[in-house]
């Protein structure tokens, strides 16, 4: 079963997601320049918003390279000598199969559920003396010496202790980890395939970048001195975006192994996808524009459909604005796909658009009722 989400969202002048030149991200689609918000940016906004969900408390993940610092902090109130805590924490992380560099950080960002981190803390406390006696790897040594030290450390770990620490990465029931997945280069067996796919949001129409020239006045300028204390430029655009995401329900259940938590995860994801807005340059532009159209689909068989190709030929407004024309175009494209492949999906939508959408069926009364109908289907 797939749960799809299609959103039309129009943003006033903004720079929500920047590239390496500090300009709004963009792309070519249908042969023309489109505004773009990356999937990474959207997922970050969703994860941040979902942290406020009481139903997911204790079931979220942390993404960090500072796992050693996190573990030392968790151990700060343990009745053990302070100088031993970094040693046992480092040994524990390495026993899991992760490397710690000379800067005290893992080689890449590690995505760990809160329950996995707490499990790691408990194991450290239970095997404190064993971890303390393990030989320490000196990151200043050459590669040959480091390999030798790593081998010695591996051989010094009792098999049952090593197995316990390796199994830490199987203890998590983190909602965002189950949705967005995890890749560990050193431990491919502990990877988690994402149950959710999020597309880059693209504008339904051609976009031109604009430039804002700004100045800032020095409040302590002498009265006889005019001019700005600083000046600069900010690139921005204004665009109506099509956004798409899809959840594989069976995959989510397999990742979490808890049906109630999986339903809470879908509920939080739907609300966060609708309500969360990227934070880029918001103090400058305040582009707090909610979606104008939300279309959710529950599909029990067949393949999921992205409707991005509804806008492969860009929308032209003729003075009518982007929102209404984009919604109509999406409805028309759904009708074409339904004729070609058949329409066996359960559809729910809500919009500020007051006209008829003949291919999408009846409009739902509210976002809450739409989400509740989807959750009932998952029972």
Foldseek 3Di string as FASTA:
>chain_A
DKKKKKFKFWWDKDQQAADPVQAFDWDAFLNFIWGWAAQVLLLVLLLVQLCPPPLCVQQAKDKFQQLLVVLLVVCVPPPDDSVLSSQLSQLLCVLLQFDAAPVRTTPGIFIGGSQLSVLSSVLCVVCVVLSSPADDADNPDDPVSNVVSSVSNNVSDDPVSSVSSNCSLVPHQHLSCQAPWGDDPRCRVSTQDHQKDWHIKIFLAHWDKDKDKDFAADPPDPPVDDDGPDIDMHIITIGIIIIMMMGNLVSSCVSNVDLVSSLVSLLSSLVSSQQGGRDHCCVPPVRRTTTQKMKMKDDPDDDDDDQSVLSSPHDDQPPPDDRVRVVQSSLVSLVVVCVVPNDPIDMEMAGPDDDDSVNRDDYDDDPVVVSVVVSVVSD
